[in-house]
């Protein structure tokens, strides 16, 4: 059956809330999209090197711990999936993590001051599945915490482009907390033709969605990776946030690729909402 990739038993969708915005601008400097390494919901992936994906954040809720992923896009803002949120009061963002329960001075933790859900978010079909999270206080960038670049509306990630999905989610379908992965996982996936994906999913793919994976199965995002990044390289070898982990049918099944929120389609809304 179809499901969104949050921990369904603990997290439900946040209702409409006030959207008056006085927001700080996104990171548009020259340093986004680069890791500084010296020269699950992931299925079929492998452990990522510490610091390789410095925009990856873990959103954690009280006693439940990790519930969703997110991407650092500026010193004040994170991007995640709308279906992850019930309420911002108890959600915290952990950045610079390598292992999911890491306790060290290298880890940056911030409370979430406000969650901005896209006004057209449709829970029934996971359309416009995007949320902006404003942190209580700005973060300082370091070797382990860096923003990912946002692709503008005009950028095209062509079919067959190799990208990476990262997260701490389940390593197999229907696995819950006990088998959640310890180290941050990465999996290599390819962008899949929109019309092919629409056929596979019976016309459920809207223009705000993007498909990626391996049609033979075996590599995918899974429960707990929701809201995390689908990162693709662009000019200057910078990494761009092409997609946000959103939904799928099962995990890593044949002819059932992962479905992501398409960031280029929502770029203008992101800019307006964070300026």
C-alpha atoms as a PDB file:
ATOM      1  CA  UNK A   1       0.000   0.000   0.000  1.00  0.00           C
ATOM      2  CA  UNK A   2       1.044   3.617  -0.419  1.00  0.00           C
ATOM      3  CA  UNK A   3       2.329   5.490   2.568  1.00  0.00           C
ATOM      4  CA  UNK A   4       4.374   8.540   3.317  1.00  0.00           C
ATOM      5  CA  UNK A   5       7.750   7.865   4.775  1.00  0.00           C
ATOM      6  CA  UNK A   6       7.350   9.281   8.238  1.00  0.00           C
ATOM      7  CA  UNK A   7       6.915   7.118  11.312  1.00  0.00           C
ATOM      8  CA  UNK A   8       3.201   6.812  10.886  1.00  0.00           C
ATOM      9  CA  UNK A   9       2.312   5.694  14.390  1.00  0.00           C
ATOM     10  CA  UNK A  10       3.952   8.665  16.066  1.00  0.00           C
ATOM     11  CA  UNK A  11       3.654  11.542  13.620  1.00  0.00           C
ATOM     12  CA  UNK A  12       0.569  12.957  11.990  1.00  0.00           C
ATOM     13  CA  UNK A  13       0.191  15.919   9.712  1.00  0.00           C
ATOM     14  CA  UNK A  14       0.111  19.389  11.148  1.00  0.00           C
ATOM     15  CA  UNK A  15      -3.023  21.386  10.409  1.00  0.00           C
ATOM     16  CA  UNK A  16      -3.084  24.823   8.851  1.00  0.00           C
ATOM     17  CA  UNK A  17      -1.335  27.453  10.857  1.00  0.00           C
ATOM     18  CA  UNK A  18      -0.714  31.135  10.520  1.00  0.00           C
ATOM     19  CA  UNK A  19       1.703  32.021   7.761  1.00  0.00           C
ATOM     20  CA  UNK A  20       2.757  35.578   8.525  1.00  0.00           C
ATOM     21  CA  UNK A  21       6.375  35.674   7.469  1.00  0.00           C
ATOM     22  CA  UNK A  22       9.275  37.817   8.572  1.00  0.00           C
ATOM     23  CA  UNK A  23      12.017  35.518   7.433  1.00  0.00           C
ATOM     24  CA  UNK A  24      15.734  35.675   6.900  1.00  0.00           C
ATOM     25  CA  UNK A  25      17.023  35.119   3.360  1.00  0.00           C
ATOM     26  CA  UNK A  26      18.279  31.794   2.114  1.00  0.00           C
ATOM     27  CA  UNK A  27      21.919  31.047   1.674  1.00  0.00           C
ATOM     28  CA  UNK A  28      22.799  32.317  -1.781  1.00  0.00           C
ATOM     29  CA  UNK A  29      26.516  32.817  -1.277  1.00  0.00           C
ATOM     30  CA  UNK A  30      29.339  31.048  -3.015  1.00  0.00           C
ATOM     31  CA  UNK A  31      29.761  28.303  -0.450  1.00  0.00           C
ATOM     32  CA  UNK A  32      26.616  26.180  -0.753  1.00  0.00           C
ATOM     33  CA  UNK A  33      26.633  22.604  -1.966  1.00  0.00           C
ATOM     34  CA  UNK A  34      30.195  21.693  -1.065  1.00  0.00           C
ATOM     35  CA  UNK A  35      31.496  19.352   1.580  1.00  0.00           C
ATOM     36  CA  UNK A  36      34.840  20.068   3.148  1.00  0.00           C
ATOM     37  CA  UNK A  37      36.306  16.599   3.287  1.00  0.00           C
ATOM     38  CA  UNK A  38      40.032  16.603   2.695  1.00  0.00           C
ATOM     39  CA  UNK A  39      41.074  15.257  -0.752  1.00  0.00           C
ATOM     40  CA  UNK A  40      18.271   4.629   5.379  1.00  0.00           C
ATOM     41  CA  UNK A  41      15.370   5.446   4.947  1.00  0.00           C
ATOM     42  CA  UNK A  42      17.958   3.990   2.681  1.00  0.00           C
ATOM     43  CA  UNK A  43      17.716   0.490   1.254  1.00  0.00           C
ATOM     44  CA  UNK A  44      20.676  -0.914  -0.669  1.00  0.00           C
ATOM     45  CA  UNK A  45      22.942   1.931   0.411  1.00  0.00           C
ATOM     46  CA  UNK A  46      26.164   2.112   2.367  1.00  0.00           C
ATOM     47  CA  UNK A  47      27.641   4.058   5.271  1.00  0.00           C
ATOM     48  CA  UNK A  48      28.472   7.644   4.319  1.00  0.00           C
ATOM     49  CA  UNK A  49      31.779   9.195   5.376  1.00  0.00           C
ATOM     50  CA  UNK A  50      31.478  11.699   8.215  1.00  0.00           C
ATOM     51  CA  UNK A  51      31.108  15.203   6.753  1.00  0.00           C
ATOM     52  CA  UNK A  52      30.316  14.010   3.223  1.00  0.00           C
ATOM     53  CA  UNK A  53      26.703  15.268   3.329  1.00  0.00           C
ATOM     54  CA  UNK A  54      26.971  18.273   5.695  1.00  0.00           C
ATOM     55  CA  UNK A  55      23.470  19.606   4.867  1.00  0.00           C
ATOM     56  CA  UNK A  56      21.766  16.456   6.183  1.00  0.00           C
ATOM     57  CA  UNK A  57      19.853  17.062   9.417  1.00  0.00           C
ATOM     58  CA  UNK A  58      17.906  14.698  11.675  1.00  0.00           C
ATOM     59  CA  UNK A  59      14.572  15.972  12.996  1.00  0.00           C
ATOM     60  CA  UNK A  60      13.932  14.440  16.398  1.00  0.00           C
ATOM     61  CA  UNK A  61      10.873  14.517  18.597  1.00  0.00           C
ATOM     62  CA  UNK A  62      11.046  14.044  22.342  1.00  0.00           C
ATOM     63  CA  UNK A  63      11.217  10.430  23.455  1.00  0.00           C
ATOM     64  CA  UNK A  64      10.689   9.104  19.929  1.00  0.00           C
ATOM     65  CA  UNK A  65      14.037  10.333  18.661  1.00  0.00           C
ATOM     66  CA  UNK A  66      14.659  10.505  14.909  1.00  0.00           C
ATOM     67  CA  UNK A  67      11.485  10.885  12.858  1.00  0.00           C
ATOM     68  CA  UNK A  68      12.450  12.564   9.581  1.00  0.00           C
ATOM     69  CA  UNK A  69      15.338  14.040   7.653  1.00  0.00           C
ATOM     70  CA  UNK A  70      15.814  17.648   6.525  1.00  0.00           C
ATOM     71  CA  UNK A  71      18.313  19.718   4.536  1.00  0.00           C
ATOM     72  CA  UNK A  72      20.191  22.815   5.711  1.00  0.00           C
ATOM     73  CA  UNK A  73      19.650  25.564   3.114  1.00  0.00           C
ATOM     74  CA  UNK A  74      20.816  28.606   5.100  1.00  0.00           C
ATOM     75  CA  UNK A  75      22.025  29.463   8.596  1.00  0.00           C
ATOM     76  CA  UNK A  76      18.379  29.819   9.683  1.00  0.00           C
ATOM     77  CA  UNK A  77      16.365  27.540   7.425  1.00  0.00           C
ATOM     78  CA  UNK A  78      15.849  23.831   6.849  1.00  0.00           C
ATOM     79  CA  UNK A  79      13.693  22.183   4.187  1.00  0.00           C
ATOM     80  CA  UNK A  80      11.769  18.975   4.863  1.00  0.00           C
ATOM     81  CA  UNK A  81       8.504  17.240   3.886  1.00  0.00           C
ATOM     82  CA  UNK A  82       5.121  18.587   5.017  1.00  0.00           C
ATOM     83  CA  UNK A  83       3.877  15.117   5.969  1.00  0.00           C
ATOM     84  CA  UNK A  84       6.425  14.915   8.796  1.00  0.00           C
ATOM     85  CA  UNK A  85       4.841  17.468  11.124  1.00  0.00           C
ATOM     86  CA  UNK A  86       2.296  17.512  13.868  1.00  0.00           C
ATOM     87  CA  UNK A  87       3.650  20.470  15.755  1.00  0.00           C
ATOM     88  CA  UNK A  88       6.887  22.380  16.044  1.00  0.00           C
ATOM     89  CA  UNK A  89       7.092  22.712  19.807  1.00  0.00           C
ATOM     90  CA  UNK A  90       8.944  19.495  20.430  1.00  0.00           C
ATOM     91  CA  UNK A  91      10.854  19.111  17.160  1.00  0.00           C
ATOM     92  CA  UNK A  92      14.599  19.716  17.220  1.00  0.00           C
ATOM     93  CA  UNK A  93      17.102  19.677  14.375  1.00  0.00           C
ATOM     94  CA  UNK A  94      20.412  17.839  14.813  1.00  0.00           C
ATOM     95  CA  UNK A  95      23.182  18.763  12.351  1.00  0.00           C
ATOM     96  CA  UNK A  96      26.712  17.449  11.909  1.00  0.00           C
ATOM     97  CA  UNK A  97      25.668  13.942  12.981  1.00  0.00           C
ATOM     98  CA  UNK A  98      27.285  10.816  11.626  1.00  0.00           C
ATOM     99  CA  UNK A  99      25.681   8.233  13.883  1.00  0.00           C
ATOM    100  CA  UNK A 100      22.045   8.805  14.758  1.00  0.00           C
ATOM    101  CA  UNK A 101      22.499   8.947  18.558  1.00  0.00           C
ATOM    102  CA  UNK A 102      25.832  10.743  18.510  1.00  0.00           C
ATOM    103  CA  UNK A 103      26.540  12.819  21.589  1.00  0.00           C
ATOM    104  CA  UNK A 104      29.520  15.044  20.954  1.00  0.00           C
ATOM    105  CA  UNK A 105      30.506  18.688  20.841  1.00  0.00           C
ATOM    106  CA  UNK A 106      30.635  18.407  17.037  1.00  0.00           C
ATOM    107  CA  UNK A 107      26.848  18.021  16.845  1.00  0.00           C
ATOM    108  CA  UNK A 108      24.778  21.197  16.394  1.00  0.00           C
ATOM    109  CA  UNK A 109      21.253  21.191  17.867  1.00  0.00           C
ATOM    110  CA  UNK A 110      18.570  23.815  17.260  1.00  0.00           C
ATOM    111  CA  UNK A 111      14.953  24.159  18.348  1.00  0.00           C
ATOM    112  CA  UNK A 112      12.469  24.911  15.591  1.00  0.00           C
ATOM    113  CA  UNK A 113      10.822  28.302  15.936  1.00  0.00           C
ATOM    114  CA  UNK A 114       8.330  27.962  13.110  1.00  0.00           C
ATOM    115  CA  UNK A 115       7.191  25.484  10.478  1.00  0.00           C
ATOM    116  CA  UNK A 116       5.804  26.847   7.205  1.00  0.00           C
ATOM    117  CA  UNK A 117       3.760  24.233   5.334  1.00  0.00           C
ATOM    118  CA  UNK A 118       2.975  24.871   1.667  1.00  0.00           C
ATOM    119  CA  UNK A 119      -0.603  26.253   1.547  1.00  0.00           C
ATOM    120  CA  UNK A 120      -1.515  23.828  -1.271  1.00  0.00           C
ATOM    121  CA  UNK A 121      -0.180  20.737   0.507  1.00  0.00           C
ATOM    122  CA  UNK A 122      -2.593  17.867  -0.166  1.00  0.00           C
ATOM    123  CA  UNK A 123      -2.138  15.005   2.282  1.00  0.00           C
ATOM    124  CA  UNK A 124      -4.289  12.598   0.264  1.00  0.00           C
ATOM    125  CA  UNK A 125      -1.952  12.585  -2.753  1.00  0.00           C
ATOM    126  CA  UNK A 126       1.223  14.029  -1.150  1.00  0.00           C
ATOM    127  CA  UNK A 127       1.222  16.981  -3.554  1.00  0.00           C
ATOM    128  CA  UNK A 128       3.210  20.095  -2.574  1.00  0.00           C
ATOM    129  CA  UNK A 129       4.841  17.960   0.148  1.00  0.00           C
ATOM    130  CA  UNK A 130       7.244  20.589   1.449  1.00  0.00           C
ATOM    131  CA  UNK A 131       7.856  22.380   4.741  1.00  0.00           C
ATOM    132  CA  UNK A 132      10.257  25.171   5.669  1.00  0.00           C
ATOM    133  CA  UNK A 133      11.631  25.102   9.211  1.00  0.00           C
ATOM    134  CA  UNK A 134      12.976  28.254  10.784  1.00  0.00           C
ATOM    135  CA  UNK A 135      15.535  27.591  13.513  1.00  0.00           C
ATOM    136  CA  UNK A 136      15.381  29.452  16.823  1.00  0.00           C
ATOM    137  CA  UNK A 137      18.942  30.724  16.424  1.00  0.00           C
ATOM    138  CA  UNK A 138      21.284  30.685  13.404  1.00  0.00           C
ATOM    139  CA  UNK A 139      23.806  27.886  12.956  1.00  0.00           C
ATOM    140  CA  UNK A 140      27.501  28.379  12.305  1.00  0.00           C
ATOM    141  CA  UNK A 141      28.845  26.606   9.262  1.00  0.00           C
ATOM    142  CA  UNK A 142      31.749  24.222   9.768  1.00  0.00           C
ATOM    143  CA  UNK A 143      33.328  21.149   8.229  1.00  0.00           C
ATOM    144  CA  UNK A 144      30.259  19.176   9.377  1.00  0.00           C
ATOM    145  CA  UNK A 145      27.457  21.707   8.765  1.00  0.00           C
ATOM    146  CA  UNK A 146      27.060  23.347   5.339  1.00  0.00           C
ATOM    147  CA  UNK A 147      24.046  24.437   3.267  1.00  0.00           C
ATOM    148  CA  UNK A 148      23.050  22.646   0.069  1.00  0.00           C
ATOM    149  CA  UNK A 149      22.370  24.818  -3.010  1.00  0.00           C
ATOM    150  CA  UNK A 150      18.791  25.387  -4.117  1.00  0.00           C
ATOM    151  CA  UNK A 151      18.189  24.862  -7.844  1.00  0.00           C
ATOM    152  CA  UNK A 152      16.314  27.702  -9.544  1.00  0.00           C
ATOM    153  CA  UNK A 153      13.150  27.104 -11.563  1.00  0.00           C
ATOM    154  CA  UNK A 154      15.118  26.951 -14.823  1.00  0.00           C
ATOM    155  CA  UNK A 155      17.465  24.156 -13.744  1.00  0.00           C
ATOM    156  CA  UNK A 156      16.719  20.761 -15.273  1.00  0.00           C
ATOM    157  CA  UNK A 157      17.937  17.451 -13.853  1.00  0.00           C
ATOM    158  CA  UNK A 158      17.811  15.283 -16.972  1.00  0.00           C
ATOM    159  CA  UNK A 159      16.628  11.678 -16.955  1.00  0.00           C
ATOM    160  CA  UNK A 160      19.426   9.309 -16.058  1.00  0.00           C
ATOM    161  CA  UNK A 161      21.252  11.877 -13.905  1.00  0.00           C
ATOM    162  CA  UNK A 162      23.012  10.135 -11.012  1.00  0.00           C
ATOM    163  CA  UNK A 163      22.039  11.568  -7.620  1.00  0.00           C
ATOM    164  CA  UNK A 164      22.315  10.487  -3.984  1.00  0.00           C
ATOM    165  CA  UNK A 165      19.640  10.033  -1.359  1.00  0.00           C
ATOM    166  CA  UNK A 166      20.793  10.071   2.267  1.00  0.00           C
ATOM    167  CA  UNK A 167      19.224   9.320   5.629  1.00  0.00           C
ATOM    168  CA  UNK A 168      19.033   7.235   8.784  1.00  0.00           C
ATOM    169  CA  UNK A 169      15.782   5.488   7.917  1.00  0.00           C
ATOM    170  CA  UNK A 170      14.900   1.818   7.730  1.00  0.00           C
ATOM    171  CA  UNK A 171      17.230  -0.514   5.841  1.00  0.00           C
ATOM    172  CA  UNK A 172      14.372  -2.767   4.776  1.00  0.00           C
ATOM    173  CA  UNK A 173      10.657  -2.352   4.217  1.00  0.00           C
ATOM    174  CA  UNK A 174       8.495  -2.488   7.362  1.00  0.00           C
ATOM    175  CA  UNK A 175      11.468  -2.343   9.729  1.00  0.00           C
ATOM    176  CA  UNK A 176      10.838  -0.021  12.650  1.00  0.00           C
ATOM    177  CA  UNK A 177      12.977   1.667  15.327  1.00  0.00           C
ATOM    178  CA  UNK A 178      14.925  -1.421  16.349  1.00  0.00           C
ATOM    179  CA  UNK A 179      16.437  -1.884  12.916  1.00  0.00           C
ATOM    180  CA  UNK A 180      16.888   1.742  12.033  1.00  0.00           C
ATOM    181  CA  UNK A 181      20.370   2.305  10.792  1.00  0.00           C
ATOM    182  CA  UNK A 182      23.052   3.743  13.042  1.00  0.00           C
ATOM    183  CA  UNK A 183      25.378   5.416  10.536  1.00  0.00           C
ATOM    184  CA  UNK A 184      24.118   7.904   7.963  1.00  0.00           C
ATOM    185  CA  UNK A 185      23.396   5.971   4.760  1.00  0.00           C
ATOM    186  CA  UNK A 186      23.814   7.049   1.153  1.00  0.00           C
ATOM    187  CA  UNK A 187      22.380   5.393  -1.946  1.00  0.00           C
ATOM    188  CA  UNK A 188      23.115   6.140  -5.596  1.00  0.00           C
ATOM    189  CA  UNK A 189      19.935   6.568  -7.649  1.00  0.00           C
ATOM    190  CA  UNK A 190      19.049   7.881 -11.106  1.00  0.00           C
ATOM    191  CA  UNK A 191      16.401  10.414 -12.114  1.00  0.00           C
ATOM    192  CA  UNK A 192      13.584   8.537 -13.873  1.00  0.00           C
ATOM    193  CA  UNK A 193      11.568   9.816 -16.837  1.00  0.00           C
ATOM    194  CA  UNK A 194       8.401  11.530 -15.570  1.00  0.00           C
ATOM    195  CA  UNK A 195       6.036   9.854 -18.049  1.00  0.00           C
ATOM    196  CA  UNK A 196       7.525   6.410 -17.320  1.00  0.00           C
ATOM    197  CA  UNK A 197       7.070   7.020 -13.596  1.00  0.00           C
ATOM    198  CA  UNK A 198       3.510   8.227 -14.119  1.00  0.00           C
ATOM    199  CA  UNK A 199       2.657   4.981 -15.917  1.00  0.00           C
ATOM    200  CA  UNK A 200       4.170   2.925 -13.095  1.00  0.00           C
ATOM    201  CA  UNK A 201       2.147   4.859 -10.530  1.00  0.00           C
ATOM    202  CA  UNK A 202      -1.159   5.119 -12.454  1.00  0.00           C
ATOM    203  CA  UNK A 203      -0.997   8.875 -13.119  1.00  0.00           C
ATOM    204  CA  UNK A 204      -0.402   9.874  -9.492  1.00  0.00           C
ATOM    205  CA  UNK A 205       2.763  11.839 -10.324  1.00  0.00           C
ATOM    206  CA  UNK A 206       2.103  15.594 -10.459  1.00  0.00           C
ATOM    207  CA  UNK A 207       4.408  18.302 -11.807  1.00  0.00           C
ATOM    208  CA  UNK A 208       5.540  18.944  -8.197  1.00  0.00           C
ATOM    209  CA  UNK A 209       6.993  15.420  -8.020  1.00  0.00           C
ATOM    210  CA  UNK A 210      10.184  13.802  -9.267  1.00  0.00           C
ATOM    211  CA  UNK A 211      11.005  10.086  -9.437  1.00  0.00           C
ATOM    212  CA  UNK A 212      14.398   8.545  -8.770  1.00  0.00           C
ATOM    213  CA  UNK A 213      15.707   5.086  -8.038  1.00  0.00           C
ATOM    214  CA  UNK A 214      16.494   1.886  -9.862  1.00  0.00           C
ATOM    215  CA  UNK A 215      13.625   0.246 -11.754  1.00  0.00           C
ATOM    216  CA  UNK A 216      15.099  -3.174 -10.963  1.00  0.00           C
ATOM    217  CA  UNK A 217      14.603  -2.390  -7.272  1.00  0.00           C
ATOM    218  CA  UNK A 218      17.099  -2.850  -4.463  1.00  0.00           C
ATOM    219  CA  UNK A 219      18.004   0.819  -3.893  1.00  0.00           C
ATOM    220  CA  UNK A 220      15.625   3.378  -2.397  1.00  0.00           C
ATOM    221  CA  UNK A 221      14.698   5.629   0.469  1.00  0.00           C
ATOM    222  CA  UNK A 222      12.441   4.072   3.151  1.00  0.00           C
ATOM    223  CA  UNK A 223      10.594   4.893   6.412  1.00  0.00           C
ATOM    224  CA  UNK A 224      12.402   7.537   8.458  1.00  0.00           C
ATOM    225  CA  UNK A 225      14.204   9.100   5.484  1.00  0.00           C
ATOM    226  CA  UNK A 226      11.184  11.318   4.734  1.00  0.00           C
ATOM    227  CA  UNK A 227      12.038  14.976   4.329  1.00  0.00           C
ATOM    228  CA  UNK A 228      15.689  14.244   3.588  1.00  0.00           C
ATOM    229  CA  UNK A 229      17.628  15.326   0.495  1.00  0.00           C
ATOM    230  CA  UNK A 230      17.920  13.952  -3.006  1.00  0.00           C
ATOM    231  CA  UNK A 231      21.204  15.641  -3.926  1.00  0.00           C
ATOM    232  CA  UNK A 232      22.474  16.001  -7.494  1.00  0.00           C
ATOM    233  CA  UNK A 233      25.603  17.757  -8.714  1.00  0.00           C
ATOM    234  CA  UNK A 234      25.432  20.874 -10.851  1.00  0.00           C
ATOM    235  CA  UNK A 235      27.924  23.310 -12.301  1.00  0.00           C
ATOM    236  CA  UNK A 236      31.134  23.814 -10.388  1.00  0.00           C
ATOM    237  CA  UNK A 237      30.647  20.386  -8.813  1.00  0.00           C
ATOM    238  CA  UNK A 238      28.248  21.854  -6.302  1.00  0.00           C
ATOM    239  CA  UNK A 239      25.444  19.760  -4.843  1.00  0.00           C
ATOM    240  CA  UNK A 240      21.866  20.873  -5.422  1.00  0.00           C
ATOM    241  CA  UNK A 241      18.686  19.876  -3.597  1.00  0.00           C
ATOM    242  CA  UNK A 242      16.795  18.298  -6.508  1.00  0.00           C
ATOM    243  CA  UNK A 243      14.205  16.525  -4.376  1.00  0.00           C
ATOM    244  CA  UNK A 244      12.782  15.949  -0.899  1.00  0.00           C
ATOM    245  CA  UNK A 245      12.033  12.345   0.132  1.00  0.00           C
ATOM    246  CA  UNK A 246       8.235  12.123  -0.027  1.00  0.00           C
ATOM    247  CA  UNK A 247       6.540   8.772  -0.758  1.00  0.00           C
ATOM    248  CA  UNK A 248       6.600   5.452  -2.565  1.00  0.00           C
ATOM    249  CA  UNK A 249       4.990   2.050  -2.696  1.00  0.00           C
ATOM    250  CA  UNK A 250       7.004  -0.115  -0.349  1.00  0.00           C
ATOM    251  CA  UNK A 251      10.778   0.350  -0.302  1.00  0.00           C
ATOM    252  CA  UNK A 252      13.162  -0.599  -3.113  1.00  0.00           C
ATOM    253  CA  UNK A 253      10.559  -2.675  -4.974  1.00  0.00           C
ATOM    254  CA  UNK A 254      10.966  -3.422  -8.670  1.00  0.00           C
ATOM    255  CA  UNK A 255       9.239  -0.797 -10.873  1.00  0.00           C
ATOM    256  CA  UNK A 256       8.333   1.252  -7.806  1.00  0.00           C
ATOM    257  CA  UNK A 257      10.875   4.110  -7.683  1.00  0.00           C
ATOM    258  CA  UNK A 258      11.007   6.653  -4.881  1.00  0.00           C
ATOM    259  CA  UNK A 259       8.892   9.779  -5.337  1.00  0.00           C
ATOM    260  CA  UNK A 260      10.363  13.115  -4.274  1.00  0.00           C
ATOM    261  CA  UNK A 261       9.034  16.650  -4.001  1.00  0.00           C
ATOM    262  CA  UNK A 262      10.478  18.530  -6.991  1.00  0.00           C
ATOM    263  CA  UNK A 263      12.328  21.540  -5.581  1.00  0.00           C
ATOM    264  CA  UNK A 264      12.633  23.483  -8.869  1.00  0.00           C
ATOM    265  CA  UNK A 265       8.819  23.541  -9.128  1.00  0.00           C
ATOM    266  CA  UNK A 266       8.565  25.200  -5.702  1.00  0.00           C
ATOM    267  CA  UNK A 267      11.642  27.434  -5.844  1.00  0.00           C
ATOM    268  CA  UNK A 268       9.698  30.701  -6.162  1.00  0.00           C
ATOM    269  CA  UNK A 269       7.538  29.841  -3.143  1.00  0.00           C
ATOM    270  CA  UNK A 270      10.655  28.942  -1.120  1.00  0.00           C
ATOM    271  CA  UNK A 271      12.293  32.278  -2.009  1.00  0.00           C
ATOM    272  CA  UNK A 272       9.172  34.293  -1.173  1.00  0.00           C
ATOM    273  CA  UNK A 273       8.578  32.476   2.101  1.00  0.00           C
ATOM    274  CA  UNK A 274      12.124  32.897   3.397  1.00  0.00           C
ATOM    275  CA  UNK A 275      12.840  36.493   2.360  1.00  0.00           C
END
